[in-house]
């Protein structure tokens, strides 16, 4: 069994445990170290666990690291340095991330620096922003939980999965929403710098438009509310002061590399709008959308909403640090998926109209429906 430390939004701590248990039969929750910081064990290796989180996906976890050892507060630095010498190439770069629980009284400000200095003396290269290895340290009273791992297995290279961005250079800060998009692009490993055109649905006051323009894209921004003047006047911004539904009626033929949607509306309506934009998204184009979760929802609802995207491949879904009562979903357009679905629907409708629905097709459809029902969690078991 492997032990891991994980981080999540404290408001969704129980939901995170629930979700892990549903995805991994070997998962066993051990204890909470602090609000939103827990320990669990599983038979899955680092690579297997991260693949499970990405593919399933597991939505409400933000950050994990594999636990190597629990040490005394007085001896852990020696243990970490010794472990690094035994497991890291001498040419490897590293960074140190230290956190502590609220009940920890000792100052930890200098701990990361002290560990880094000792490793530098051993010949390792410190790279705070992009180290190949992350040394993760969580101090809880007299106990120190620590691990050393490749950054790709931590889900986020930020400490505890909590990114902190600075306002971009072209404009002053527009809204905190811009940080949500920056985090989503990073979390889902989406590179937009070679893209040409984007669309921002529900753009006002312009935070997501700003991110797209800062990355060099031309942006079609749509909202009946007003953009910040400096955003609306930018030569790369084409501003439509209207509802997205009214924009769709214009039958505009622009094609977009990426469409982003942070509209505060019913999730089902938001998904439907993305589906209506399908023909204006380039093949392999990207969609990033936030689901504004209602006060009460079921886990099966989230799965159903994601499943209602027509012709898109799921890249990932995660509750990001900059999300509040919402999750962020990233998708890629796939024409083949839409054609296959359309063909199946067409064949089914044709057979129904002629009254010749074959028993073979009926069994196939029933099998799919039963599989889908089993995959969805019972609302009474998973309502939050």
Protein backbone atom coordinates (compact mmCIF):
# COMPACT_ATOMS: atom_id res chain seq x y z
CA UNK A 1 0.00 0.00 0.00
CA UNK A 2 1.07 3.59 -0.72
CA UNK A 3 0.26 6.56 1.53
CA UNK A 4 -0.59 10.01 0.17
CA UNK A 5 -1.31 13.50 1.47
CA UNK A 6 -4.09 15.25 -0.45
CA UNK A 7 -5.55 18.75 -0.50
CA UNK A 8 -9.07 19.88 -1.33
CA UNK A 9 -11.53 22.67 -0.62
CA UNK A 10 -12.46 22.19 3.07
CA UNK A 11 -16.13 22.69 2.17
CA UNK A 12 -15.93 19.60 -0.05
CA UNK A 13 -13.74 17.40 2.14
CA UNK A 14 -16.32 14.65 2.59
CA UNK A 15 -17.21 14.77 -1.09
CA UNK A 16 -13.53 14.28 -1.97
CA UNK A 17 -13.37 11.13 0.18
CA UNK A 18 -16.63 9.90 -1.36
CA UNK A 19 -15.29 10.44 -4.86
CA UNK A 20 -12.01 8.61 -4.21
CA UNK A 21 -13.88 5.63 -2.78
CA UNK A 22 -16.09 5.43 -5.85
CA UNK A 23 -13.13 5.48 -8.25
CA UNK A 24 -10.62 3.31 -6.37
CA UNK A 25 -11.63 0.10 -4.59
CA UNK A 26 -8.36 -0.01 -2.68
CA UNK A 27 -8.72 3.55 -1.30
CA UNK A 28 -8.79 3.90 2.50
CA UNK A 29 -9.04 7.27 4.21
CA UNK A 30 -6.84 7.54 7.32
CA UNK A 31 -7.18 10.98 8.94
CA UNK A 32 -7.42 14.73 8.53
CA UNK A 33 -4.27 16.68 9.39
CA UNK A 34 -5.94 20.06 8.92
CA UNK A 35 -8.92 21.62 7.15
CA UNK A 36 -8.81 20.30 3.60
CA UNK A 37 -5.60 18.29 4.16
CA UNK A 38 -5.94 14.53 4.62
CA UNK A 39 -4.04 11.25 4.52
CA UNK A 40 -5.14 8.13 2.64
CA UNK A 41 -3.70 4.85 1.46
CA UNK A 42 -4.21 2.94 -1.78
CA UNK A 43 -2.69 0.16 -3.84
CA UNK A 44 -2.21 2.58 -6.74
CA UNK A 45 1.28 3.86 -7.53
CA UNK A 46 1.91 7.58 -8.18
CA UNK A 47 1.53 7.07 -11.93
CA UNK A 48 -1.58 4.90 -11.63
CA UNK A 49 -3.26 7.27 -9.18
CA UNK A 50 -2.65 10.35 -11.34
CA UNK A 51 -3.96 8.52 -14.39
CA UNK A 52 -7.08 7.57 -12.42
CA UNK A 53 -7.62 11.17 -11.31
CA UNK A 54 -7.14 12.46 -14.86
CA UNK A 55 -9.19 9.89 -16.78
CA UNK A 56 -12.15 9.27 -14.46
CA UNK A 57 -11.84 12.20 -13.52
CA UNK A 58 -11.60 12.77 -9.76
CA UNK A 59 -12.82 16.35 -9.58
CA UNK A 60 -12.54 17.61 -6.02
CA UNK A 61 -8.88 16.86 -5.22
CA UNK A 62 -6.42 19.70 -5.89
CA UNK A 63 -3.02 18.38 -4.92
CA UNK A 64 -1.40 15.14 -3.78
CA UNK A 65 2.04 13.88 -2.87
CA UNK A 66 3.21 10.40 -1.96
CA UNK A 67 4.27 10.11 1.65
CA UNK A 68 7.80 8.78 2.06
CA UNK A 69 8.12 9.08 5.82
CA UNK A 70 6.75 10.62 9.02
CA UNK A 71 9.66 12.13 10.93
CA UNK A 72 10.25 14.03 14.16
CA UNK A 73 10.34 17.82 13.90
CA UNK A 74 13.93 17.63 15.15
CA UNK A 75 15.27 15.09 12.64
CA UNK A 76 13.38 15.42 9.38
CA UNK A 77 15.90 17.59 7.50
CA UNK A 78 18.60 14.91 7.78
CA UNK A 79 16.11 12.28 6.60
CA UNK A 80 15.09 14.36 3.57
CA UNK A 81 18.65 15.08 2.47
CA UNK A 82 19.61 11.41 2.85
CA UNK A 83 16.58 10.30 0.80
CA UNK A 84 17.40 12.81 -1.96
CA UNK A 85 20.98 11.57 -2.18
CA UNK A 86 19.72 7.99 -2.60
CA UNK A 87 16.93 8.71 -5.09
CA UNK A 88 17.73 11.82 -7.14
CA UNK A 89 20.25 12.22 -9.96
CA UNK A 90 22.98 14.71 -9.11
CA UNK A 91 22.02 16.85 -12.10
CA UNK A 92 18.35 17.01 -11.06
CA UNK A 93 16.65 20.30 -10.24
CA UNK A 94 14.33 20.58 -7.26
CA UNK A 95 12.07 22.86 -5.27
CA UNK A 96 10.93 22.66 -1.64
CA UNK A 97 7.31 23.26 -0.61
CA UNK A 98 6.56 23.54 3.10
CA UNK A 99 3.17 23.86 4.77
CA UNK A 100 1.92 23.40 8.32
CA UNK A 101 -1.33 22.78 10.19
CA UNK A 102 -2.99 25.53 12.20
CA UNK A 103 -1.98 23.92 15.47
CA UNK A 104 1.72 24.09 14.59
CA UNK A 105 3.24 26.90 16.63
CA UNK A 106 6.86 26.84 15.43
CA UNK A 107 7.82 29.18 12.62
CA UNK A 108 8.45 27.40 9.30
CA UNK A 109 9.59 30.40 7.29
CA UNK A 110 13.22 29.26 7.08
CA UNK A 111 12.69 25.51 6.74
CA UNK A 112 12.46 25.45 2.92
CA UNK A 113 15.56 27.62 2.64
CA UNK A 114 17.56 25.42 5.04
CA UNK A 115 16.69 22.23 3.14
CA UNK A 116 17.46 23.92 -0.19
CA UNK A 117 20.86 25.17 1.04
CA UNK A 118 21.87 21.69 2.17
CA UNK A 119 20.88 20.14 -1.16
CA UNK A 120 22.68 22.85 -3.13
CA UNK A 121 25.84 21.98 -1.18
CA UNK A 122 25.34 18.38 -2.33
CA UNK A 123 25.37 19.55 -5.98
CA UNK A 124 21.63 19.71 -6.74
CA UNK A 125 20.13 22.66 -8.65
CA UNK A 126 17.39 24.76 -7.05
CA UNK A 127 14.59 25.75 -9.46
CA UNK A 128 11.73 27.23 -7.45
CA UNK A 129 9.25 27.51 -10.34
CA UNK A 130 10.10 24.44 -12.43
CA UNK A 131 12.10 21.90 -10.44
CA UNK A 132 12.02 18.33 -11.78
CA UNK A 133 11.46 17.09 -8.25
CA UNK A 134 9.22 18.57 -5.58
CA UNK A 135 10.13 18.01 -1.94
CA UNK A 136 6.79 18.31 -0.13
CA UNK A 137 6.73 18.92 3.61
CA UNK A 138 3.68 19.15 5.88
CA UNK A 139 4.32 19.90 9.56
CA UNK A 140 1.68 18.93 12.11
CA UNK A 141 2.84 19.69 15.62
CA UNK A 142 5.86 17.52 16.38
CA UNK A 143 5.30 15.31 13.32
CA UNK A 144 6.59 16.04 9.83
CA UNK A 145 4.97 14.32 6.82
CA UNK A 146 7.19 14.53 3.77
CA UNK A 147 7.70 13.10 0.29
CA UNK A 148 9.86 13.50 -2.80
CA UNK A 149 8.37 13.06 -6.24
CA UNK A 150 8.24 14.09 -9.86
CA UNK A 151 6.21 17.29 -10.24
CA UNK A 152 3.83 15.73 -12.80
CA UNK A 153 2.40 13.46 -10.09
CA UNK A 154 1.41 16.28 -7.72
CA UNK A 155 -1.47 17.49 -9.96
CA UNK A 156 -0.21 21.05 -9.43
CA UNK A 157 3.32 22.39 -9.14
CA UNK A 158 2.02 25.04 -6.70
CA UNK A 159 2.30 24.43 -2.97
CA UNK A 160 -0.85 22.62 -1.86
CA UNK A 161 -2.38 23.22 -5.29
CA UNK A 162 -2.81 26.92 -4.44
CA UNK A 163 -1.50 29.07 -7.33
CA UNK A 164 -0.88 32.77 -6.85
CA UNK A 165 -0.70 34.90 -9.98
CA UNK A 166 0.30 38.50 -10.57
CA UNK A 167 -1.68 40.84 -12.86
CA UNK A 168 -0.50 40.52 -16.46
CA UNK A 169 1.44 43.34 -18.05
CA UNK A 170 -0.91 44.92 -20.56
CA UNK A 171 -3.69 46.01 -18.22
CA UNK A 172 -4.36 46.49 -14.56
CA UNK A 173 -6.27 43.77 -12.71
CA UNK A 174 -9.74 43.34 -14.24
CA UNK A 175 -11.36 40.65 -12.07
CA UNK A 176 -10.40 37.58 -10.06
CA UNK A 177 -11.96 35.53 -12.86
CA UNK A 178 -8.83 35.96 -14.96
CA UNK A 179 -6.92 33.86 -12.43
CA UNK A 180 -9.48 31.06 -12.87
CA UNK A 181 -8.69 30.86 -16.56
CA UNK A 182 -4.92 31.05 -16.01
CA UNK A 183 -5.18 28.20 -13.51
CA UNK A 184 -7.39 26.13 -15.85
CA UNK A 185 -4.92 26.48 -18.75
CA UNK A 186 -2.12 25.37 -16.44
CA UNK A 187 -4.05 22.57 -14.74
CA UNK A 188 -5.21 20.98 -18.00
CA UNK A 189 -1.90 21.65 -19.79
CA UNK A 190 -3.49 23.73 -22.55
CA UNK A 191 -1.14 25.90 -24.62
CA UNK A 192 -3.00 28.72 -26.39
CA UNK A 193 -0.05 30.85 -27.47
CA UNK A 194 -0.13 29.46 -31.02
CA UNK A 195 -3.89 29.94 -31.35
CA UNK A 196 -5.38 32.79 -33.39
CA UNK A 197 -9.00 33.32 -32.37
CA UNK A 198 -10.99 32.88 -29.20
CA UNK A 199 -14.55 33.55 -28.04
CA UNK A 200 -15.45 34.65 -24.51
CA UNK A 201 -19.10 33.94 -23.67
CA UNK A 202 -20.49 36.13 -20.92
CA UNK A 203 -17.29 38.16 -21.05
CA UNK A 204 -18.00 41.19 -18.80
CA UNK A 205 -16.11 42.78 -17.19
CA UNK A 206 -13.39 41.18 -19.34
CA UNK A 207 -11.07 39.05 -17.19
CA UNK A 208 -11.09 36.01 -19.48
CA UNK A 209 -10.93 38.21 -22.59
CA UNK A 210 -7.85 39.85 -21.10
CA UNK A 211 -6.11 36.47 -20.65
CA UNK A 212 -6.81 35.49 -24.26
CA UNK A 213 -5.63 38.84 -25.64
CA UNK A 214 -2.53 38.80 -23.44
CA UNK A 215 -1.65 35.45 -25.02
CA UNK A 216 -1.88 36.99 -28.49
CA UNK A 217 -5.37 35.88 -29.59
CA UNK A 218 -8.05 37.92 -31.27
CA UNK A 219 -11.13 37.62 -29.07
CA UNK A 220 -14.85 37.80 -29.80
CA UNK A 221 -16.37 38.92 -26.49
CA UNK A 222 -20.12 38.58 -25.96
CA UNK A 223 -22.12 39.98 -23.03
CA UNK A 224 -25.14 42.31 -22.53
CA UNK A 225 -23.21 43.89 -19.66
CA UNK A 226 -20.29 46.20 -20.33
CA UNK A 227 -16.62 45.31 -20.68
CA UNK A 228 -14.02 47.49 -18.98
CA UNK A 229 -13.31 50.34 -21.47
CA UNK A 230 -9.63 49.45 -21.86
CA UNK A 231 -10.64 45.88 -22.83
CA UNK A 232 -13.47 46.86 -25.19
CA UNK A 233 -11.25 49.35 -27.04
CA UNK A 234 -8.44 46.89 -27.66
CA UNK A 235 -7.86 46.30 -31.38
CA UNK A 236 -7.83 42.53 -30.83
CA UNK A 237 -11.30 42.52 -29.23
CA UNK A 238 -14.53 42.30 -31.23
CA UNK A 239 -17.25 43.20 -28.73
CA UNK A 240 -20.88 42.09 -29.13
CA UNK A 241 -23.06 43.90 -26.58
CA UNK A 242 -25.81 41.26 -26.50
CA UNK A 243 -26.90 37.94 -25.10
CA UNK A 244 -25.02 34.89 -26.36
CA UNK A 245 -28.33 33.50 -27.62
CA UNK A 246 -28.80 36.62 -29.78
CA UNK A 247 -25.24 36.33 -31.10
CA UNK A 248 -25.98 32.78 -32.24
CA UNK A 249 -28.92 34.08 -34.29
CA UNK A 250 -26.52 36.24 -36.33
CA UNK A 251 -25.19 33.07 -38.02
CA UNK A 252 -21.67 34.46 -37.79
CA UNK A 253 -19.17 32.27 -39.67
CA UNK A 254 -16.10 33.02 -37.51
CA UNK A 255 -14.14 29.92 -36.49
CA UNK A 256 -12.54 29.75 -33.05
CA UNK A 257 -9.54 27.85 -31.68
CA UNK A 258 -10.89 28.19 -28.15
CA UNK A 259 -14.25 29.07 -26.60
CA UNK A 260 -14.46 29.97 -22.91
CA UNK A 261 -17.61 30.24 -20.85
CA UNK A 262 -17.79 31.58 -17.29
CA UNK A 263 -21.45 32.58 -17.41
CA UNK A 264 -23.45 32.54 -14.20
CA UNK A 265 -26.37 30.42 -15.34
CA UNK A 266 -28.00 27.02 -14.99
CA UNK A 267 -25.43 24.35 -15.88
CA UNK A 268 -27.72 22.62 -18.36
CA UNK A 269 -28.25 25.88 -20.27
CA UNK A 270 -24.53 26.55 -20.26
CA UNK A 271 -23.82 23.11 -21.75
CA UNK A 272 -26.52 23.66 -24.38
CA UNK A 273 -24.94 26.96 -25.45
CA UNK A 274 -21.57 25.25 -25.96
CA UNK A 275 -23.28 22.60 -28.08
CA UNK A 276 -24.83 25.37 -30.20
CA UNK A 277 -21.36 26.85 -30.74
CA UNK A 278 -20.08 23.52 -32.07
CA UNK A 279 -19.97 24.50 -35.76
CA UNK A 280 -17.95 27.64 -34.97
CA UNK A 281 -15.23 25.71 -33.13
CA UNK A 282 -12.32 24.36 -35.17
CA UNK A 283 -11.54 20.64 -35.16
CA UNK A 284 -9.44 19.92 -32.05
CA UNK A 285 -10.56 23.31 -30.72
CA UNK A 286 -10.68 23.80 -26.97
CA UNK A 287 -13.63 24.61 -24.70
CA UNK A 288 -13.25 25.72 -21.09
CA UNK A 289 -16.45 26.15 -19.09
CA UNK A 290 -17.28 26.60 -15.42
CA UNK A 291 -20.23 24.76 -13.91
CA UNK A 292 -21.91 27.02 -11.36
CA UNK A 293 -23.09 24.36 -8.93
CA UNK A 294 -26.52 24.90 -7.37
CA UNK A 295 -26.95 24.94 -3.60
CA UNK A 296 -27.87 21.25 -3.69
CA UNK A 297 -26.71 18.85 -6.38
CA UNK A 298 -25.94 15.17 -6.87
CA UNK A 299 -22.75 13.69 -8.18
CA UNK A 300 -24.72 11.97 -10.91
CA UNK A 301 -25.86 15.43 -12.04
CA UNK A 302 -22.26 16.50 -12.61
CA UNK A 303 -21.59 13.37 -14.65
CA UNK A 304 -24.79 13.88 -16.64
CA UNK A 305 -23.91 17.51 -17.43
CA UNK A 306 -20.46 16.49 -18.64
CA UNK A 307 -21.99 13.66 -20.68
CA UNK A 308 -24.39 16.08 -22.39
CA UNK A 309 -21.62 17.77 -24.37
CA UNK A 310 -22.13 16.57 -27.93
CA UNK A 311 -19.04 15.90 -30.04
CA UNK A 312 -16.43 16.80 -27.44
CA UNK A 313 -13.72 14.74 -25.76
CA UNK A 314 -13.23 15.42 -22.05
CA UNK A 315 -9.75 16.73 -21.23
CA UNK A 316 -10.42 17.07 -17.52
CA UNK A 317 -12.67 18.42 -14.78
CA UNK A 318 -11.43 19.87 -11.50
CA UNK A 319 -12.44 22.15 -8.68
CA UNK A 320 -9.58 24.61 -8.92
CA UNK A 321 -8.17 26.77 -6.15
CA UNK A 322 -9.73 29.87 -7.72
CA UNK A 323 -13.13 28.18 -8.09
CA UNK A 324 -15.73 28.82 -5.43
CA UNK A 325 -19.02 26.87 -5.60
CA UNK A 326 -18.15 25.66 -9.08
CA UNK A 327 -15.95 23.33 -11.07
CA UNK A 328 -14.02 23.91 -14.30
CA UNK A 329 -14.36 21.54 -17.26
CA UNK A 330 -12.03 21.41 -20.28
CA UNK A 331 -12.97 19.71 -23.59
CA UNK A 332 -11.64 19.20 -27.09
CA UNK A 333 -13.84 19.18 -30.21
CA UNK A 334 -13.95 15.83 -32.00
CA UNK A 335 -16.01 15.68 -35.24
CA UNK A 336 -15.91 11.88 -35.23
CA UNK A 337 -17.69 11.75 -31.87
CA UNK A 338 -20.51 13.97 -33.09
CA UNK A 339 -20.90 12.07 -36.37
CA UNK A 340 -21.05 8.76 -34.52
CA UNK A 341 -23.68 10.06 -32.11
CA UNK A 342 -25.70 11.63 -34.95
CA UNK A 343 -25.58 8.38 -36.92
CA UNK A 344 -26.78 6.34 -33.95
CA UNK A 345 -29.62 8.77 -33.26
CA UNK A 346 -30.59 8.80 -36.95
CA UNK A 347 -30.62 5.00 -37.19
CA UNK A 348 -32.61 4.72 -33.98
CA UNK A 349 -35.19 7.26 -35.17
CA UNK A 350 -35.49 5.54 -38.54
CA UNK A 351 -36.06 2.16 -36.94
CA UNK A 352 -38.60 3.59 -34.53
CA UNK A 353 -40.52 5.26 -37.36
CA UNK A 354 -40.75 2.05 -39.34
CA UNK A 355 -41.49 -0.07 -36.30
CA UNK A 356 -38.53 -2.29 -37.15
CA UNK A 357 -36.28 -1.81 -34.17
CA UNK A 358 -34.26 -5.01 -34.24
CA UNK A 359 -33.90 -7.10 -31.12
CA UNK A 360 -30.13 -6.93 -31.52
CA UNK A 361 -30.14 -3.13 -31.51
CA UNK A 362 -32.60 -3.07 -28.63
CA UNK A 363 -30.36 -5.34 -26.54
CA UNK A 364 -27.35 -3.17 -27.42
CA UNK A 365 -29.10 0.03 -26.40
CA UNK A 366 -30.42 -1.50 -23.18
CA UNK A 367 -26.92 -2.71 -22.33
CA UNK A 368 -25.56 0.79 -22.80
CA UNK A 369 -28.34 2.32 -20.72
CA UNK A 370 -27.79 -0.16 -17.89
CA UNK A 371 -24.06 0.51 -17.96
CA UNK A 372 -24.74 4.23 -17.82
CA UNK A 373 -27.15 3.82 -14.89
CA UNK A 374 -24.57 1.80 -12.95
CA UNK A 375 -21.96 4.46 -13.62
CA UNK A 376 -24.15 7.21 -12.20
CA UNK A 377 -24.23 7.52 -8.45
CA UNK A 378 -27.60 7.24 -6.71
CA UNK A 379 -28.80 10.80 -5.92
CA UNK A 380 -29.82 9.83 -2.40
CA UNK A 381 -26.29 8.53 -1.79
CA UNK A 382 -24.44 11.44 -3.33
CA UNK A 383 -26.39 14.62 -2.72
CA UNK A 384 -24.45 17.56 -1.35
